[in-house]
Structure formats: C-alpha cells, structure tokens
N, C-alpha and C. Protein backbone atom coordinates (compact mmCIF):
# COMPACT_ATOMS: atom_id res chain seq x y z
N MET A 1 -33.99 111.12 189.70
CA MET A 1 -32.02 110.70 189.36
C MET A 1 -32.26 109.08 188.95
N VAL A 2 -31.56 108.72 187.94
CA VAL A 2 -31.00 107.40 187.56
C VAL A 2 -29.86 106.94 188.11
N TRP A 3 -29.14 105.82 187.96
CA TRP A 3 -28.69 105.28 188.44
C TRP A 3 -27.97 104.46 187.17
N SER A 4 -26.80 103.99 187.35
CA SER A 4 -25.99 103.52 185.92
C SER A 4 -25.13 101.94 186.88
N PHE A 5 -25.85 101.07 187.60
CA PHE A 5 -25.13 100.32 188.18
C PHE A 5 -25.48 98.90 187.38
N MET A 6 -26.47 98.50 186.32
CA MET A 6 -26.31 97.57 185.37
C MET A 6 -25.61 97.26 184.69
N GLN A 7 -24.55 98.23 184.25
CA GLN A 7 -23.99 97.64 183.39
C GLN A 7 -23.66 96.69 182.11
N ASN A 8 -24.98 96.49 181.76
CA ASN A 8 -25.69 95.81 180.48
C ASN A 8 -25.83 96.86 179.23
N ALA A 9 -25.69 96.14 178.37
CA ALA A 9 -26.71 96.87 176.91
C ALA A 9 -27.23 97.47 177.11
N ARG A 10 -28.38 97.25 177.99
CA ARG A 10 -29.63 97.84 177.69
C ARG A 10 -29.55 99.31 178.70
N MET A 11 -28.47 99.33 179.57
CA MET A 11 -28.29 100.70 180.44
C MET A 11 -28.04 101.63 179.09
N TYR A 12 -26.71 100.81 178.40
CA TYR A 12 -25.93 101.92 177.65
C TYR A 12 -27.00 102.34 176.72
N GLU A 13 -27.88 101.35 176.18
CA GLU A 13 -28.62 102.09 174.92
C GLU A 13 -29.61 103.05 175.45
N ALA A 14 -30.01 103.31 176.72
CA ALA A 14 -31.13 104.18 177.49
C ALA A 14 -30.37 105.22 177.39
N LEU A 15 -29.07 105.42 177.96
CA LEU A 15 -28.40 106.28 177.88
C LEU A 15 -28.19 107.17 176.43
N ARG A 16 -27.71 106.33 175.80
CA ARG A 16 -27.59 106.83 174.27
C ARG A 16 -29.11 107.47 173.61
N ASP A 17 -30.25 106.49 174.26
CA ASP A 17 -31.53 106.95 173.29
C ASP A 17 -32.16 107.92 174.44
N TYR A 18 -32.10 107.82 175.49
CA TYR A 18 -32.87 108.79 176.52
C TYR A 18 -32.13 109.80 176.84
N GLY A 19 -30.92 110.20 176.75
CA GLY A 19 -30.05 111.04 177.58
C GLY A 19 -30.71 112.42 177.24
N ASP A 20 -31.47 112.55 176.30
CA ASP A 20 -31.99 114.02 176.38
C ASP A 20 -33.11 114.42 177.16
N ARG A 21 -33.44 113.21 177.98
CA ARG A 21 -34.65 113.41 178.89
C ARG A 21 -34.25 113.36 180.53
N LEU A 22 -33.01 112.98 180.57
CA LEU A 22 -32.38 112.48 181.81
C LEU A 22 -31.50 114.16 182.36
N ASP A 23 -31.78 114.36 183.89
CA ASP A 23 -31.42 115.40 184.55
C ASP A 23 -30.05 114.76 185.28
N THR A 24 -29.74 113.70 185.66
CA THR A 24 -28.78 113.74 187.19
C THR A 24 -28.95 111.92 186.68
N VAL A 25 -27.72 111.64 186.64
CA VAL A 25 -27.40 110.45 187.06
C VAL A 25 -26.02 110.02 187.65
N GLY A 26 -26.32 108.81 188.73
CA GLY A 26 -25.17 108.36 189.38
C GLY A 26 -24.79 107.21 188.77
N ILE A 27 -23.19 107.24 188.91
CA ILE A 27 -22.22 106.50 188.40
C ILE A 27 -21.95 105.70 189.34
N PHE A 28 -22.33 104.41 189.45
CA PHE A 28 -21.90 103.55 190.48
C PHE A 28 -20.66 102.80 190.07
N THR A 29 -19.35 103.80 190.96
CA THR A 29 -18.50 103.44 190.54
C THR A 29 -17.26 102.82 191.49
N PHE A 30 -17.41 103.76 192.54
CA PHE A 30 -16.67 103.76 193.82
C PHE A 30 -17.66 102.64 195.05
N GLU A 31 -16.08 102.17 195.36
CA GLU A 31 -16.44 101.26 196.56
C GLU A 31 -15.57 101.57 197.72
N VAL A 32 -16.53 101.95 199.02
CA VAL A 32 -15.48 102.63 199.87
C VAL A 32 -15.36 101.13 200.86
N ASP A 33 -13.92 101.05 201.53
CA ASP A 33 -13.90 100.06 202.61
C ASP A 33 -14.14 100.37 203.73
N ALA A 34 -13.07 99.47 205.09
CA ALA A 34 -13.51 100.04 206.30
C ALA A 34 -12.45 100.82 206.56
N THR A 35 -11.15 100.87 205.83
CA THR A 35 -9.99 102.10 206.20
C THR A 35 -10.29 103.54 205.69
N GLY A 36 -11.58 103.54 204.75
CA GLY A 36 -12.53 104.98 204.03
C GLY A 36 -11.93 105.20 203.05
N THR A 37 -11.02 103.90 202.07
CA THR A 37 -10.33 104.16 200.82
C THR A 37 -11.34 103.58 199.95
N LEU A 38 -11.67 104.65 198.67
CA LEU A 38 -12.32 104.30 197.55
C LEU A 38 -11.56 103.32 196.64
N SER A 39 -12.21 102.60 195.83
CA SER A 39 -12.07 101.88 194.84
C SER A 39 -12.74 102.07 193.28
N GLU A 40 -12.40 102.08 192.33
CA GLU A 40 -13.28 101.88 191.19
C GLU A 40 -13.39 100.47 190.64
N THR A 41 -14.41 100.07 191.50
CA THR A 41 -14.93 98.47 191.22
C THR A 41 -16.29 98.75 190.37
N GLY A 42 -16.92 99.25 190.37
CA GLY A 42 -18.27 99.46 189.74
C GLY A 42 -18.37 99.67 187.87
N THR A 43 -19.19 100.40 187.41
CA THR A 43 -19.32 100.77 186.05
C THR A 43 -18.14 102.07 186.16
N SER A 44 -17.34 101.48 184.88
CA SER A 44 -16.24 102.24 184.93
C SER A 44 -16.44 103.27 184.18
N ILE A 45 -15.50 104.48 184.48
CA ILE A 45 -15.49 105.83 184.09
C ILE A 45 -15.52 105.92 182.59
N SER A 46 -14.60 104.93 181.78
CA SER A 46 -14.31 105.20 180.74
C SER A 46 -15.49 104.82 179.82
N SER A 47 -15.80 103.97 180.51
CA SER A 47 -17.23 103.19 179.41
C SER A 47 -18.02 104.38 179.62
N MET A 48 -18.26 105.34 180.53
CA MET A 48 -19.55 106.62 180.47
C MET A 48 -18.84 107.62 179.88
N MET A 49 -17.87 108.17 179.53
CA MET A 49 -17.17 109.11 178.63
C MET A 49 -17.71 109.54 177.55
N THR A 50 -18.50 108.86 176.78
CA THR A 50 -19.57 108.68 175.46
C THR A 50 -20.43 109.69 175.81
N TYR A 51 -21.15 109.45 176.96
CA TYR A 51 -22.64 109.82 177.17
C TYR A 51 -22.31 110.82 178.01
N ILE A 52 -21.12 110.89 178.78
CA ILE A 52 -20.70 112.30 179.57
C ILE A 52 -20.85 113.58 178.50
N ASN A 53 -20.11 113.31 177.37
CA ASN A 53 -19.41 114.06 176.24
C ASN A 53 -20.62 114.61 175.91
N LYS A 54 -21.82 113.68 175.36
CA LYS A 54 -22.75 113.57 174.32
C LYS A 54 -23.87 114.27 175.10
N TRP A 55 -23.93 114.35 176.47
CA TRP A 55 -24.77 114.68 176.89
C TRP A 55 -24.63 115.73 178.12
N PRO A 56 -24.05 116.75 178.23
CA PRO A 56 -23.27 117.74 179.17
C PRO A 56 -24.42 118.27 179.94
N HIS A 57 -25.79 118.32 179.48
CA HIS A 57 -26.50 119.19 180.26
C HIS A 57 -26.86 118.27 181.67
N ILE A 58 -26.47 117.01 181.65
CA ILE A 58 -27.14 115.97 182.67
C ILE A 58 -25.94 115.98 183.99
N HIS A 59 -26.62 116.10 184.74
CA HIS A 59 -25.16 116.57 186.11
C HIS A 59 -25.27 115.07 186.66
N TRP A 60 -24.06 114.74 186.28
CA TRP A 60 -23.28 113.05 186.42
C TRP A 60 -22.60 113.57 188.15
N MET A 61 -23.14 112.24 188.83
CA MET A 61 -23.02 112.11 190.26
C MET A 61 -21.90 110.76 190.28
N LEU A 62 -21.17 111.03 190.97
CA LEU A 62 -20.25 110.06 191.39
C LEU A 62 -20.48 109.29 192.76
N THR A 63 -20.93 107.91 192.50
CA THR A 63 -21.78 107.13 193.43
C THR A 63 -20.87 106.34 194.47
N VAL A 64 -21.11 106.41 195.71
CA VAL A 64 -20.20 105.71 196.79
C VAL A 64 -20.63 104.91 197.39
N MET A 65 -20.54 103.64 197.26
CA MET A 65 -20.94 102.79 198.09
C MET A 65 -20.44 101.73 199.02
N ASN A 66 -21.32 100.82 200.09
CA ASN A 66 -20.50 100.22 200.86
C ASN A 66 -21.34 99.03 200.67
N HIS A 67 -21.78 98.46 199.56
CA HIS A 67 -22.66 97.15 199.38
C HIS A 67 -23.50 97.03 200.76
N GLY A 68 -23.80 97.74 201.75
CA GLY A 68 -24.79 97.02 202.95
C GLY A 68 -23.66 96.69 203.58
N THR A 69 -22.37 96.75 203.93
CA THR A 69 -21.68 95.96 204.52
C THR A 69 -21.82 97.03 205.96
N ALA A 70 -22.40 96.57 207.03
CA ALA A 70 -22.66 97.00 208.27
C ALA A 70 -21.42 97.86 208.95
N SER A 71 -20.43 96.61 208.82
CA SER A 71 -18.88 96.98 209.26
C SER A 71 -18.45 98.22 208.81
N ILE A 72 -18.79 98.29 207.52
CA ILE A 72 -17.93 99.67 206.53
C ILE A 72 -18.57 101.00 207.53
N PHE A 73 -19.80 100.91 206.94
CA PHE A 73 -20.54 101.97 207.76
C PHE A 73 -19.98 102.59 209.24
N THR A 74 -20.20 101.27 210.11
CA THR A 74 -19.53 101.72 211.92
C THR A 74 -18.33 102.15 211.64
N ALA A 75 -17.43 101.68 210.42
CA ALA A 75 -15.93 101.94 210.58
C ALA A 75 -16.00 103.86 210.29
N LEU A 76 -16.87 103.83 209.29
CA LEU A 76 -16.63 105.39 208.91
C LEU A 76 -17.27 106.58 210.08
N ARG A 77 -18.64 105.97 210.52
CA ARG A 77 -19.17 106.95 211.66
C ARG A 77 -18.67 107.12 212.74
N ASN A 78 -18.03 105.89 213.14
CA ASN A 78 -17.14 105.91 214.51
C ASN A 78 -16.07 106.59 214.35
N ASN A 79 -15.34 106.71 213.10
CA ASN A 79 -13.82 106.96 212.58
C ASN A 79 -12.82 105.95 213.06
N THR A 80 -12.92 104.85 212.89
CA THR A 80 -12.45 103.44 213.67
C THR A 80 -10.72 103.84 212.67
N ASN A 81 -9.73 104.07 213.48
CA ASN A 81 -8.45 104.04 213.21
C ASN A 81 -8.28 105.00 211.76
N GLY A 82 -9.30 105.97 211.65
CA GLY A 82 -9.12 107.15 211.07
C GLY A 82 -9.67 107.06 209.81
N ALA A 83 -10.85 106.29 209.56
CA ALA A 83 -11.66 105.95 208.44
C ALA A 83 -12.39 106.96 207.87
N LYS A 84 -13.41 107.57 208.77
CA LYS A 84 -13.97 108.40 208.13
C LYS A 84 -13.34 110.08 207.83
N ASP A 85 -11.99 110.28 208.39
CA ASP A 85 -10.83 111.22 207.99
C ASP A 85 -10.64 110.68 206.48
N LYS A 86 -10.02 109.31 206.10
CA LYS A 86 -9.42 109.00 204.88
C LYS A 86 -10.64 109.04 204.05
N PHE A 87 -11.82 108.45 204.71
CA PHE A 87 -13.00 108.59 203.62
C PHE A 87 -13.19 110.19 202.87
N LEU A 88 -12.86 110.98 203.92
CA LEU A 88 -13.32 112.73 203.41
C LEU A 88 -12.21 113.17 202.32
N THR A 89 -11.10 112.52 202.43
CA THR A 89 -9.87 113.12 201.75
C THR A 89 -10.41 112.20 200.39
N GLU A 90 -10.73 111.04 200.19
CA GLU A 90 -11.10 110.26 199.03
C GLU A 90 -11.73 110.83 198.22
N LEU A 91 -13.27 111.44 199.17
CA LEU A 91 -14.29 112.22 197.93
C LEU A 91 -13.79 113.03 197.67
N VAL A 92 -13.11 114.36 197.95
CA VAL A 92 -12.31 115.49 197.54
C VAL A 92 -11.27 114.57 196.37
N ARG A 93 -10.48 113.35 196.83
CA ARG A 93 -9.35 113.22 195.11
C ARG A 93 -10.69 112.56 194.55
N ILE A 94 -11.47 112.46 194.30
CA ILE A 94 -12.34 111.75 193.49
C ILE A 94 -12.82 112.80 192.57
N MET A 95 -13.62 114.10 193.31
CA MET A 95 -13.86 115.08 192.74
C MET A 95 -13.20 116.16 191.80
N GLU A 96 -11.62 115.89 192.37
CA GLU A 96 -10.85 116.52 191.53
C GLU A 96 -10.21 115.82 190.46
N LYS A 97 -10.09 114.45 190.78
CA LYS A 97 -10.03 113.82 189.36
C LYS A 97 -10.57 113.60 188.41
N TYR A 98 -12.35 113.95 188.55
CA TYR A 98 -13.48 113.94 187.50
C TYR A 98 -13.99 115.22 187.60
N PRO A 99 -13.46 116.33 187.23
CA PRO A 99 -13.82 117.66 187.59
C PRO A 99 -15.19 117.79 186.94
N TRP A 100 -15.67 117.08 186.17
CA TRP A 100 -16.94 117.19 185.36
C TRP A 100 -18.21 116.76 186.17
N CYS A 101 -17.97 116.21 187.10
CA CYS A 101 -19.15 115.37 188.08
C CYS A 101 -20.09 117.00 188.86
N ALA A 102 -20.89 116.44 189.12
CA ALA A 102 -21.92 117.47 189.56
C ALA A 102 -21.50 117.46 191.04
N GLY A 103 -21.47 116.16 191.62
CA GLY A 103 -21.70 115.78 193.05
C GLY A 103 -20.94 114.74 193.21
N VAL A 104 -21.61 113.90 194.75
CA VAL A 104 -21.72 112.80 195.14
C VAL A 104 -22.80 112.31 195.75
N ASP A 105 -23.13 110.79 195.58
CA ASP A 105 -23.64 110.55 195.27
C ASP A 105 -23.66 109.23 196.93
N ILE A 106 -24.07 109.55 198.24
CA ILE A 106 -23.45 108.45 198.73
C ILE A 106 -24.56 107.55 199.44
N ASP A 107 -24.24 106.19 198.92
CA ASP A 107 -24.87 105.27 199.12
C ASP A 107 -24.44 104.02 200.14
N LEU A 108 -24.48 104.86 201.68
CA LEU A 108 -24.06 104.11 202.93
C LEU A 108 -25.22 103.44 203.36
N GLU A 109 -25.38 101.99 203.26
CA GLU A 109 -26.31 101.24 203.75
C GLU A 109 -25.76 100.32 205.15
N ARG A 110 -27.12 100.14 205.76
CA ARG A 110 -26.67 99.57 207.12
C ARG A 110 -26.32 100.10 207.93
N GLY A 111 -26.54 101.10 208.63
CA GLY A 111 -25.72 101.87 209.70
C GLY A 111 -26.18 101.71 211.05
N GLY A 112 -27.09 100.70 211.04
CA GLY A 112 -27.23 100.53 212.44
C GLY A 112 -28.83 101.41 212.86
N GLY A 113 -29.02 101.21 214.51
CA GLY A 113 -30.01 101.36 214.82
C GLY A 113 -30.57 103.15 215.09
N TYR A 114 -31.02 103.40 216.04
CA TYR A 114 -31.67 104.92 216.02
C TYR A 114 -30.43 105.20 217.19
N GLU A 115 -30.14 104.74 217.67
CA GLU A 115 -29.16 105.03 219.05
C GLU A 115 -27.42 105.46 218.20
N ASN A 116 -27.65 105.38 216.89
CA ASN A 116 -26.48 106.38 215.91
C ASN A 116 -26.64 106.81 215.16
N ARG A 117 -27.68 107.52 215.57
CA ARG A 117 -28.30 108.52 214.34
C ARG A 117 -27.51 110.13 215.25
N GLU A 118 -26.86 110.21 215.96
CA GLU A 118 -26.03 111.19 216.10
C GLU A 118 -24.73 111.18 215.39
N ALA A 119 -24.09 110.28 215.72
CA ALA A 119 -22.46 110.11 215.11
C ALA A 119 -22.93 109.71 213.55
N ALA A 120 -24.15 109.36 212.89
CA ALA A 120 -24.54 109.37 211.58
C ALA A 120 -24.58 110.46 210.82
N ASN A 121 -25.31 111.19 211.62
CA ASN A 121 -25.60 112.73 211.08
C ASN A 121 -24.24 113.63 211.41
N ALA A 122 -23.29 113.35 212.24
CA ALA A 122 -22.39 113.71 211.95
C ALA A 122 -21.19 113.24 211.06
N LEU A 123 -21.33 112.29 210.66
CA LEU A 123 -20.83 111.65 209.45
C LEU A 123 -21.30 112.36 208.12
N PHE A 124 -22.71 112.44 207.93
CA PHE A 124 -23.35 113.21 206.98
C PHE A 124 -23.04 114.51 206.78
N GLN A 125 -22.93 115.36 208.18
CA GLN A 125 -22.47 116.63 208.28
C GLN A 125 -21.05 116.91 207.49
N ALA A 126 -20.36 116.20 208.12
CA ALA A 126 -18.85 115.98 207.53
C ALA A 126 -18.58 115.97 206.16
N ILE A 127 -19.65 115.05 205.55
CA ILE A 127 -19.46 114.81 204.18
C ILE A 127 -19.65 116.03 203.29
N TYR A 128 -21.01 116.75 203.94
CA TYR A 128 -21.49 117.81 203.27
C TYR A 128 -19.97 118.74 203.63
N GLN A 129 -19.74 119.42 204.63
CA GLN A 129 -18.79 120.31 204.91
C GLN A 129 -17.80 120.12 204.17
N THR A 130 -16.66 118.91 203.82
CA THR A 130 -15.67 118.37 203.17
C THR A 130 -15.93 119.16 201.83
N VAL A 131 -16.90 118.29 201.14
CA VAL A 131 -17.32 118.22 199.69
C VAL A 131 -17.72 120.05 199.49
N SER A 132 -18.37 120.58 200.08
CA SER A 132 -18.98 121.65 199.66
C SER A 132 -18.09 122.95 199.89
N CYS A 133 -17.38 123.03 201.42
CA CYS A 133 -16.29 124.00 201.56
C CYS A 133 -14.88 123.80 200.91
N ASP A 134 -14.44 122.20 200.78
CA ASP A 134 -13.20 122.58 200.34
C ASP A 134 -13.15 122.78 198.35
N LEU A 135 -14.12 122.43 198.10
CA LEU A 135 -14.30 122.67 196.56
C LEU A 135 -15.00 123.96 195.76
N THR A 136 -15.39 124.38 196.76
CA THR A 136 -16.55 125.59 196.21
C THR A 136 -15.80 126.11 195.22
N CYS A 137 -14.49 126.38 194.73
CA CYS A 137 -13.94 127.44 194.28
C CYS A 137 -14.01 126.77 192.79
N GLU A 138 -14.07 125.24 192.73
CA GLU A 138 -13.71 124.84 191.49
C GLU A 138 -15.17 124.40 191.22
N MET A 139 -16.56 123.95 192.02
CA MET A 139 -17.89 123.55 191.46
C MET A 139 -18.35 123.97 190.46
N PRO A 140 -19.09 123.61 189.61
CA PRO A 140 -19.79 124.34 188.81
C PRO A 140 -20.95 124.97 189.50
N SER A 141 -21.95 125.55 188.32
CA SER A 141 -22.92 125.64 189.45
C SER A 141 -24.22 125.37 190.03
N PHE A 142 -24.20 124.20 189.16
CA PHE A 142 -25.03 123.13 190.10
C PHE A 142 -24.15 121.92 190.62
N PHE A 143 -24.69 121.60 192.12
CA PHE A 143 -23.61 120.86 192.62
C PHE A 143 -24.61 119.96 193.87
N CYS A 144 -24.36 118.76 193.98
CA CYS A 144 -25.52 118.19 194.56
C CYS A 144 -24.80 116.81 195.81
N ILE A 145 -25.05 116.84 196.56
CA ILE A 145 -25.16 115.46 197.69
C ILE A 145 -26.01 114.85 197.55
N ALA A 146 -26.36 113.29 197.37
CA ALA A 146 -27.30 112.84 197.43
C ALA A 146 -26.72 111.56 198.61
N LEU A 147 -27.81 111.29 199.75
CA LEU A 147 -27.34 110.70 200.95
C LEU A 147 -28.88 109.38 200.73
N ALA A 148 -27.94 108.16 200.54
CA ALA A 148 -29.23 107.15 200.53
C ALA A 148 -29.08 106.50 202.13
C-alpha cells in the first residue's frame, strides 16, 4: 500500500507513470477532530479523480488521520461527548459520498499506553463492525480496513 500525502508534482507523476504497478493507495484527505467530525483537509479528492478513473484496478482507500494528537484519539477511544459515535457515522458518510473507495485507512496515532488497550480495541472493533456491517450491500468485492 502507498499513500498520497505529499501533494507535490512527484506524487502525481508517480501515480500517472506507475499506477499500473500499484494495488492499493491511501488518499490522505480526512482529518478527525475531538468531536469525531471529519474534515477534508488533506489531498483533495478532485485532484485524485484523474488517477482514480485511469487506474480502476487500484483499491483506493480513504485515509483518516488525527495528526498524532493524543487528545483526539482519547476522545474517540473514550467516546467523550459522543465522539466515537459521531466518528462512526462520519465514516459511513464519507464511504457513501465516495462509493468507488475500497475501504478506510485509519491513521490514529498516540493512543496512550498499554492500559488503554481494551478501550482502543473496542474502538477498532466498532470501526470494523460499522463499516463492514452497515455497508455490506454496497461494498465492492474487495474491501479493506487498515489500522495504523
């Protein structure tokens, strides 16, 4: 899997020239905040459509990141003020908005120590169940959830 976070000429050249050799690309577009709301702040989807249309064999993943902000991961993990619930509905929203996506790449960093493992695992399980159960009838034959 490769990621599209550079947003420079080299990234677009590589996609143009070597897309036939790629299998999976994570599009670093979405940022989650402490309320669970997703914003499109990274690589613009519109700038990727040329490559998405040119290389239909590639599994395009929607990458969601917290930029390593521990307080965001904590809010999602602990469902502070409903942050996890909002986050799960936001994942469904973006996957419905971009039906060509093959899944989500969850890049949540700085989730705390070992003592948080049960709550973190519960969050990841909820993500999996939400996107795999709620969208099963609309999902392509290949579907992936990547957790960083």
